[in-house]
C-alpha atoms as a PDB file:
ATOM      1  CA  UNK A   1       0.110  63.183 -14.615  1.00  0.00           C
ATOM      2  CA  UNK A   2       0.232  59.721 -16.123  1.00  0.00           C
ATOM      3  CA  UNK A   3       3.950  59.444 -15.376  1.00  0.00           C
ATOM      4  CA  UNK A   4       3.310  60.209 -11.726  1.00  0.00           C
ATOM      5  CA  UNK A   5       0.815  57.337 -11.462  1.00  0.00           C
ATOM      6  CA  UNK A   6       2.966  54.811 -13.342  1.00  0.00           C
ATOM      7  CA  UNK A   7       6.298  55.607 -11.706  1.00  0.00           C
ATOM      8  CA  UNK A   8       5.299  54.369  -8.210  1.00  0.00           C
ATOM      9  CA  UNK A   9       4.087  51.092  -9.733  1.00  0.00           C
ATOM     10  CA  UNK A  10       7.336  50.528 -11.670  1.00  0.00           C
ATOM     11  CA  UNK A  11       9.767  51.475  -8.915  1.00  0.00           C
ATOM     12  CA  UNK A  12      12.213  48.716  -7.853  1.00  0.00           C
ATOM     13  CA  UNK A  13      10.738  48.685  -4.360  1.00  0.00           C
ATOM     14  CA  UNK A  14       7.278  47.848  -5.697  1.00  0.00           C
ATOM     15  CA  UNK A  15       8.603  45.274  -8.153  1.00  0.00           C
ATOM     16  CA  UNK A  16       9.941  43.282  -5.247  1.00  0.00           C
ATOM     17  CA  UNK A  17       6.506  43.398  -3.658  1.00  0.00           C
ATOM     18  CA  UNK A  18       4.856  42.191  -6.841  1.00  0.00           C
ATOM     19  CA  UNK A  19       7.367  39.348  -7.255  1.00  0.00           C
ATOM     20  CA  UNK A  20       8.031  37.974  -3.768  1.00  0.00           C
ATOM     21  CA  UNK A  21       9.429  34.590  -4.857  1.00  0.00           C
ATOM     22  CA  UNK A  22      12.548  33.972  -6.888  1.00  0.00           C
ATOM     23  CA  UNK A  23      12.137  31.950 -10.025  1.00  0.00           C
ATOM     24  CA  UNK A  24      15.339  29.939 -10.194  1.00  0.00           C
ATOM     25  CA  UNK A  25      15.581  26.430 -11.505  1.00  0.00           C
ATOM     26  CA  UNK A  26      16.610  23.762  -9.043  1.00  0.00           C
ATOM     27  CA  UNK A  27      19.651  21.737  -9.989  1.00  0.00           C
ATOM     28  CA  UNK A  28      19.389  18.099  -8.952  1.00  0.00           C
ATOM     29  CA  UNK A  29      21.561  15.122  -9.696  1.00  0.00           C
ATOM     30  CA  UNK A  30      20.209  11.873 -11.050  1.00  0.00           C
ATOM     31  CA  UNK A  31      18.246  10.019  -8.386  1.00  0.00           C
ATOM     32  CA  UNK A  32      17.670  13.087  -6.187  1.00  0.00           C
ATOM     33  CA  UNK A  33      14.028  13.335  -7.170  1.00  0.00           C
ATOM     34  CA  UNK A  34      13.281   9.677  -6.503  1.00  0.00           C
ATOM     35  CA  UNK A  35      13.790   8.608 -10.089  1.00  0.00           C
ATOM     36  CA  UNK A  36      15.959   5.712 -11.098  1.00  0.00           C
ATOM     37  CA  UNK A  37      19.638   6.312 -11.278  1.00  0.00           C
ATOM     38  CA  UNK A  38      21.553   5.787 -14.475  1.00  0.00           C
ATOM     39  CA  UNK A  39      22.451   2.112 -14.657  1.00  0.00           C
ATOM     40  CA  UNK A  40      19.186   0.931 -13.147  1.00  0.00           C
ATOM     41  CA  UNK A  41      18.935  -0.984  -9.909  1.00  0.00           C
ATOM     42  CA  UNK A  42      22.517  -2.252 -10.114  1.00  0.00           C
ATOM     43  CA  UNK A  43      23.789   1.286  -9.559  1.00  0.00           C
ATOM     44  CA  UNK A  44      22.182   1.555  -6.099  1.00  0.00           C
ATOM     45  CA  UNK A  45      24.356   2.519  -3.189  1.00  0.00           C
ATOM     46  CA  UNK A  46      24.459   0.733   0.159  1.00  0.00           C
ATOM     47  CA  UNK A  47      21.510   2.775   1.477  1.00  0.00           C
ATOM     48  CA  UNK A  48      19.320   1.741  -1.473  1.00  0.00           C
ATOM     49  CA  UNK A  49      20.271  -1.911  -1.012  1.00  0.00           C
ATOM     50  CA  UNK A  50      19.589  -1.715   2.729  1.00  0.00           C
ATOM     51  CA  UNK A  51      16.206  -0.078   2.108  1.00  0.00           C
ATOM     52  CA  UNK A  52      15.248  -2.721  -0.460  1.00  0.00           C
ATOM     53  CA  UNK A  53      16.291  -5.495   1.936  1.00  0.00           C
ATOM     54  CA  UNK A  54      14.174  -3.977   4.725  1.00  0.00           C
ATOM     55  CA  UNK A  55      11.161  -3.694   2.407  1.00  0.00           C
ATOM     56  CA  UNK A  56      11.592  -7.293   1.235  1.00  0.00           C
ATOM     57  CA  UNK A  57      11.834  -8.496   4.839  1.00  0.00           C
ATOM     58  CA  UNK A  58       8.658  -6.595   5.777  1.00  0.00           C
ATOM     59  CA  UNK A  59       6.790  -8.089   2.824  1.00  0.00           C
ATOM     60  CA  UNK A  60       7.932 -11.632   3.685  1.00  0.00           C
ATOM     61  CA  UNK A  61       6.899 -11.222   7.332  1.00  0.00           C
ATOM     62  CA  UNK A  62       3.507  -9.827   6.332  1.00  0.00           C
ATOM     63  CA  UNK A  63       2.928 -12.721   3.920  1.00  0.00           C
ATOM     64  CA  UNK A  64       3.833 -15.191   6.688  1.00  0.00           C
ATOM     65  CA  UNK A  65       1.268 -13.549   8.967  1.00  0.00           C
ATOM     66  CA  UNK A  66      -1.406 -13.728   6.276  1.00  0.00           C
ATOM     67  CA  UNK A  67      -0.636 -17.393   5.586  1.00  0.00           C
ATOM     68  CA  UNK A  68      -0.802 -18.187   9.315  1.00  0.00           C
ATOM     69  CA  UNK A  69      -4.170 -16.426   9.598  1.00  0.00           C
ATOM     70  CA  UNK A  70      -5.475 -18.387   6.603  1.00  0.00           C
ATOM     71  CA  UNK A  71      -4.253 -21.678   8.085  1.00  0.00           C
ATOM     72  CA  UNK A  72      -6.036 -20.868  11.345  1.00  0.00           C
ATOM     73  CA  UNK A  73      -9.196 -19.950   9.452  1.00  0.00           C
ATOM     74  CA  UNK A  74      -9.094 -23.241   7.535  1.00  0.00           C
ATOM     75  CA  UNK A  75      -8.553 -25.202  10.771  1.00  0.00           C
ATOM     76  CA  UNK A  76     -11.530 -23.460  12.377  1.00  0.00           C
ATOM     77  CA  UNK A  77     -13.719 -24.219   9.368  1.00  0.00           C
ATOM     78  CA  UNK A  78     -12.609 -27.868   9.356  1.00  0.00           C
ATOM     79  CA  UNK A  79     -13.557 -28.161  13.040  1.00  0.00           C
ATOM     80  CA  UNK A  80     -16.959 -26.664  12.286  1.00  0.00           C
ATOM     81  CA  UNK A  81     -17.396 -29.017   9.330  1.00  0.00           C
ATOM     82  CA  UNK A  82     -16.488 -32.027  11.490  1.00  0.00           C
ATOM     83  CA  UNK A  83     -19.058 -30.921  14.083  1.00  0.00           C
ATOM     84  CA  UNK A  84     -21.728 -30.529  11.377  1.00  0.00           C
ATOM     85  CA  UNK A  85     -20.884 -33.971   9.981  1.00  0.00           C
ATOM     86  CA  UNK A  86     -21.245 -35.474  13.469  1.00  0.00           C
ATOM     87  CA  UNK A  87     -24.663 -33.811  13.849  1.00  0.00           C
ATOM     88  CA  UNK A  88     -25.696 -35.111  10.417  1.00  0.00           C
ATOM     89  CA  UNK A  89     -24.517 -38.606  11.273  1.00  0.00           C
ATOM     90  CA  UNK A  90     -26.460 -38.559  14.550  1.00  0.00           C
ATOM     91  CA  UNK A  91     -29.590 -37.379  12.750  1.00  0.00           C
ATOM     92  CA  UNK A  92     -29.212 -40.073  10.107  1.00  0.00           C
ATOM     93  CA  UNK A  93     -28.854 -42.703  12.824  1.00  0.00           C
ATOM     94  CA  UNK A  94     -31.919 -41.365  14.627  1.00  0.00           C
ATOM     95  CA  UNK A  95     -34.194 -40.907  11.607  1.00  0.00           C
ATOM     96  CA  UNK A  96     -32.645 -43.335   9.180  1.00  0.00           C
ATOM     97  CA  UNK A  97     -30.885 -42.683   5.879  1.00  0.00           C
ATOM     98  CA  UNK A  98     -34.120 -42.258   3.948  1.00  0.00           C
ATOM     99  CA  UNK A  99     -34.904 -38.873   5.525  1.00  0.00           C
ATOM    100  CA  UNK A 100     -32.780 -36.944   3.014  1.00  0.00           C
ATOM    101  CA  UNK A 101     -35.606 -34.926   1.599  1.00  0.00           C
ATOM    102  CA  UNK A 102     -37.772 -37.782   0.312  1.00  0.00           C
ATOM    103  CA  UNK A 103     -41.384 -37.403   1.300  1.00  0.00           C
ATOM    104  CA  UNK A 104     -43.215 -40.625   2.095  1.00  0.00           C
END
């Protein structure tokens, strides 16, 4: 009786159902998984050099954009500061230089 219940579980057909995926190791060469190749960066092929050059170009362009935005921001702030200084100068001319917080 016990053999009749175990035999269907152990049959080769059922073993394939219990183990649907193969368990084989993948063979990869150095650098296939994204790791560094032996010899470091000097051992890169033309594709690696081209990719690095494209990344460097992107970074340089992005830094140029950021610097341009910062220059524009500084120019805008300097214009605002000049306007505020003109307002201050006009107020000092109107009320005199002694109106800087001194109570009389």
